[in-house]
Each structure stands twice: as structure tokens, then as C-alpha cells.
């Protein structure tokens, strides 16, 4: 069973940057998604990186600003967040699974992932 632990959240001013990390118990062969949830809103897909790292998809609201990468040697997936906006404020979660075909379609969903981290808070405010 995958275990995932997020870190790197915090308070940042609008226009600033943060890098989140997701430490995974065994990243080899796992596809990893990043999701976020703001108070009173549904969970939203941020990015999805395939097990090989060859395919990465992003939610429309973060395209061009966020970049997901993976380092299998360190069992870690990163989410680099640039040009942050107040509407990016949310709890960010990473999720993983070994199922075939994950992160192939741009329409990735939280329901595809069985294993989740505890989340890390990101607050964008002046």
C-alpha cells in the first residue's frame, strides 16, 4: 500500500512561488495526482503525472503556472507553483496508485486514486 506525505505548504503573497513535495513510500510504477480543496468547494484536480513521467496533465486553472515533476530515486513528486493567486488558497493533497492507465487522459479524477496523503495548507494572501 502506498503511503504519501505532503510538505512545503505555507503562506505566500500573491505573485509568489511555493514548491510542494510529496514523499512516496514506493514511487516506482505509481502515478501521482495533485488535488486541492478550498473551504466550501469540491476537490479539484491540479496535476497528474504518469508512472513513467512521460505524461503530465494539469487543471485548467493552473496551466502555465504549476509544474509537476517526479524523482524516482528520491521517491518524491514535486509541484512547483508560480504566479500564485488568492484563489489558489486550499489544502493540497497528493494521491497515488499503481493502476494501469492513470494520468493518460487530461480528465483525471480523484476517484481514480486509492491512496492519499494528509494534505498541506497553502494560503495566498497579502
Foldseek 3Di string as FASTA:
>chain_A
DKAKAKDWADEAAAQAKTKMKIAIPQLQLKKKWKWWDDPPDDIGTAKIAGNVRPAMAGDPVQPPFWDWGDDRVRNMIMIIGGRDDQVVWTWMKMFMDNDPPARPDNPHDPVVGDYIYPTDTHGYHD
